[in-house]
Amino acid sequence: MLTSTDILTLALDVVSRQNEDELVVVLPQAGKFFVLNRTGAEIFQLLDGQRTLAEIAVTLHAGYADIPLARVQTDVLALAQKLLARGAVRAVTS
């Protein structure tokens, strides 16, 4: 289970393409793809192997100040966990 102190980066073989307000993420090795909405795309693009999930939540919260930070943190952790389970990202630290 991920925590807010974890740092994630994209898996080596992941390919993504922006399409208007959505991001198409392709996992060539698995022969699968999925689509992220605008907010999911923002989170995905912040998974740079440098920032913790907590730092990503704070960055994202700056653009969504009307949503409580705790909610943004929960959403970032939930999406990160799904991306990890799908093999789109990997943990740099735990």
C-alpha atoms as a PDB file:
ATOM      1  CA  MET A   1       0.000   0.000   0.000  1.00  0.00           C
ATOM      2  CA  LEU A   2       1.315   3.410  -0.947  1.00  0.00           C
ATOM      3  CA  THR A   3       1.764   6.282   1.471  1.00  0.00           C
ATOM      4  CA  SER A   4       2.093  10.009   0.946  1.00  0.00           C
ATOM      5  CA  THR A   5       5.892   9.769   1.278  1.00  0.00           C
ATOM      6  CA  ASP A   6       6.263   7.407  -1.690  1.00  0.00           C
ATOM      7  CA  ILE A   7       7.813   8.606  -4.925  1.00  0.00           C
ATOM      8  CA  LEU A   8       6.665   7.111  -8.206  1.00  0.00           C
ATOM      9  CA  THR A   9       7.911   7.341 -11.760  1.00  0.00           C
ATOM     10  CA  LEU A  10       6.514   6.115 -15.039  1.00  0.00           C
ATOM     11  CA  ALA A  11       7.266   2.535 -16.053  1.00  0.00           C
ATOM     12  CA  LEU A  12       9.927   2.344 -18.749  1.00  0.00           C
ATOM     13  CA  ASP A  13       7.669   1.132 -21.546  1.00  0.00           C
ATOM     14  CA  VAL A  14       4.677   3.415 -20.927  1.00  0.00           C
ATOM     15  CA  VAL A  15       3.573   5.644 -23.780  1.00  0.00           C
ATOM     16  CA  SER A  16       1.049   8.441 -23.360  1.00  0.00           C
ATOM     17  CA  ARG A  17      -0.695  10.834 -25.686  1.00  0.00           C
ATOM     18  CA  GLN A  18      -2.768  13.890 -24.782  1.00  0.00           C
ATOM     19  CA  ASN A  19      -6.154  14.034 -26.525  1.00  0.00           C
ATOM     20  CA  GLU A  20      -8.019  17.226 -25.619  1.00  0.00           C
ATOM     21  CA  ASP A  21      -8.960  16.860 -21.920  1.00  0.00           C
ATOM     22  CA  GLU A  22      -7.932  13.205 -21.701  1.00  0.00           C
ATOM     23  CA  LEU A  23      -4.648  11.337 -21.581  1.00  0.00           C
ATOM     24  CA  VAL A  24      -4.391   7.966 -23.286  1.00  0.00           C
ATOM     25  CA  VAL A  25      -1.866   5.740 -21.508  1.00  0.00           C
ATOM     26  CA  VAL A  26      -0.584   2.701 -23.408  1.00  0.00           C
ATOM     27  CA  LEU A  27       1.144  -0.278 -21.810  1.00  0.00           C
ATOM     28  CA  PRO A  28       2.721  -1.953 -24.862  1.00  0.00           C
ATOM     29  CA  GLN A  29       4.136  -4.958 -22.994  1.00  0.00           C
ATOM     30  CA  ALA A  30       0.700  -5.811 -21.620  1.00  0.00           C
ATOM     31  CA  GLY A  31      -1.159  -4.888 -24.806  1.00  0.00           C
ATOM     32  CA  LYS A  32      -3.461  -2.620 -22.803  1.00  0.00           C
ATOM     33  CA  PHE A  33      -4.399   1.010 -22.602  1.00  0.00           C
ATOM     34  CA  PHE A  34      -6.558   3.241 -20.428  1.00  0.00           C
ATOM     35  CA  VAL A  35      -7.758   6.823 -20.473  1.00  0.00           C
ATOM     36  CA  LEU A  36      -7.336   9.398 -17.707  1.00  0.00           C
ATOM     37  CA  ASN A  37      -9.502  12.493 -17.330  1.00  0.00           C
ATOM     38  CA  ARG A  38      -7.926  15.942 -17.022  1.00  0.00           C
ATOM     39  CA  THR A  39      -7.240  15.659 -13.294  1.00  0.00           C
ATOM     40  CA  GLY A  40      -5.891  12.125 -13.625  1.00  0.00           C
ATOM     41  CA  ALA A  41      -3.657  13.333 -16.452  1.00  0.00           C
ATOM     42  CA  GLU A  42      -2.300  16.132 -14.265  1.00  0.00           C
ATOM     43  CA  ILE A  43      -1.421  13.643 -11.540  1.00  0.00           C
ATOM     44  CA  PHE A  44       0.115  11.196 -14.030  1.00  0.00           C
ATOM     45  CA  GLN A  45       2.324  13.910 -15.511  1.00  0.00           C
ATOM     46  CA  LEU A  46       3.551  14.922 -12.045  1.00  0.00           C
ATOM     47  CA  LEU A  47       4.813  11.386 -11.317  1.00  0.00           C
ATOM     48  CA  ASP A  48       8.363  12.333 -12.275  1.00  0.00           C
ATOM     49  CA  GLY A  49      10.401  10.240  -9.845  1.00  0.00           C
ATOM     50  CA  GLN A  50      11.315  13.368  -7.865  1.00  0.00           C
ATOM     51  CA  ARG A  51       8.201  14.378  -5.908  1.00  0.00           C
ATOM     52  CA  THR A  52       6.455  12.518  -3.139  1.00  0.00           C
ATOM     53  CA  LEU A  53       2.752  11.831  -3.502  1.00  0.00           C
ATOM     54  CA  ALA A  54       2.198  14.440  -0.761  1.00  0.00           C
ATOM     55  CA  GLU A  55       4.069  17.058  -2.809  1.00  0.00           C
ATOM     56  CA  ILE A  56       2.019  16.152  -5.873  1.00  0.00           C
ATOM     57  CA  ALA A  57      -1.183  16.601  -3.861  1.00  0.00           C
ATOM     58  CA  VAL A  58      -0.074  20.049  -2.674  1.00  0.00           C
ATOM     59  CA  THR A  59       0.832  21.063  -6.241  1.00  0.00           C
ATOM     60  CA  LEU A  60      -2.505  19.841  -7.546  1.00  0.00           C
ATOM     61  CA  HIS A  61      -4.383  21.497  -4.676  1.00  0.00           C
ATOM     62  CA  ALA A  62      -3.023  24.880  -5.753  1.00  0.00           C
ATOM     63  CA  GLY A  63      -5.225  24.635  -8.840  1.00  0.00           C
ATOM     64  CA  TYR A  64      -8.240  23.249  -6.975  1.00  0.00           C
ATOM     65  CA  ALA A  65      -8.269  25.420  -3.842  1.00  0.00           C
ATOM     66  CA  ASP A  66     -12.019  24.905  -3.378  1.00  0.00           C
ATOM     67  CA  ILE A  67     -11.419  21.198  -2.667  1.00  0.00           C
ATOM     68  CA  PRO A  68     -10.000  20.318   0.771  1.00  0.00           C
ATOM     69  CA  LEU A  69      -6.350  19.246   0.714  1.00  0.00           C
ATOM     70  CA  ALA A  70      -7.243  16.000   2.530  1.00  0.00           C
ATOM     71  CA  ARG A  71      -9.575  15.057  -0.334  1.00  0.00           C
ATOM     72  CA  VAL A  72      -6.896  15.823  -2.939  1.00  0.00           C
ATOM     73  CA  GLN A  73      -4.390  13.703  -0.981  1.00  0.00           C
ATOM     74  CA  THR A  74      -6.841  10.798  -0.860  1.00  0.00           C
ATOM     75  CA  ASP A  75      -7.539  11.069  -4.591  1.00  0.00           C
ATOM     76  CA  VAL A  76      -3.828  11.236  -5.485  1.00  0.00           C
ATOM     77  CA  LEU A  77      -3.091   8.148  -3.373  1.00  0.00           C
ATOM     78  CA  ALA A  78      -6.024   6.238  -4.872  1.00  0.00           C
ATOM     79  CA  LEU A  79      -5.019   6.978  -8.466  1.00  0.00           C
ATOM     80  CA  ALA A  80      -1.358   6.249  -7.745  1.00  0.00           C
ATOM     81  CA  GLN A  81      -2.326   2.870  -6.312  1.00  0.00           C
ATOM     82  CA  LYS A  82      -4.380   2.044  -9.427  1.00  0.00           C
ATOM     83  CA  LEU A  83      -1.559   3.117 -11.734  1.00  0.00           C
ATOM     84  CA  LEU A  84       0.895   0.977  -9.789  1.00  0.00           C
ATOM     85  CA  ALA A  85      -1.423  -2.040  -9.933  1.00  0.00           C
ATOM     86  CA  ARG A  86      -1.783  -1.617 -13.720  1.00  0.00           C
ATOM     87  CA  GLY A  87       1.976  -1.429 -14.193  1.00  0.00           C
ATOM     88  CA  ALA A  88       1.975   2.141 -15.523  1.00  0.00           C
ATOM     89  CA  VAL A  89       4.251   3.415 -12.751  1.00  0.00           C
ATOM     90  CA  ARG A  90       6.877   2.030 -10.413  1.00  0.00           C
ATOM     91  CA  ALA A  91       7.992   3.027  -6.948  1.00  0.00           C
ATOM     92  CA  VAL A  92      11.284   4.875  -6.562  1.00  0.00           C
ATOM     93  CA  THR A  93      11.108   4.742  -2.755  1.00  0.00           C
ATOM     94  CA  SER A  94       8.768   3.202  -0.228  1.00  0.00           C
END
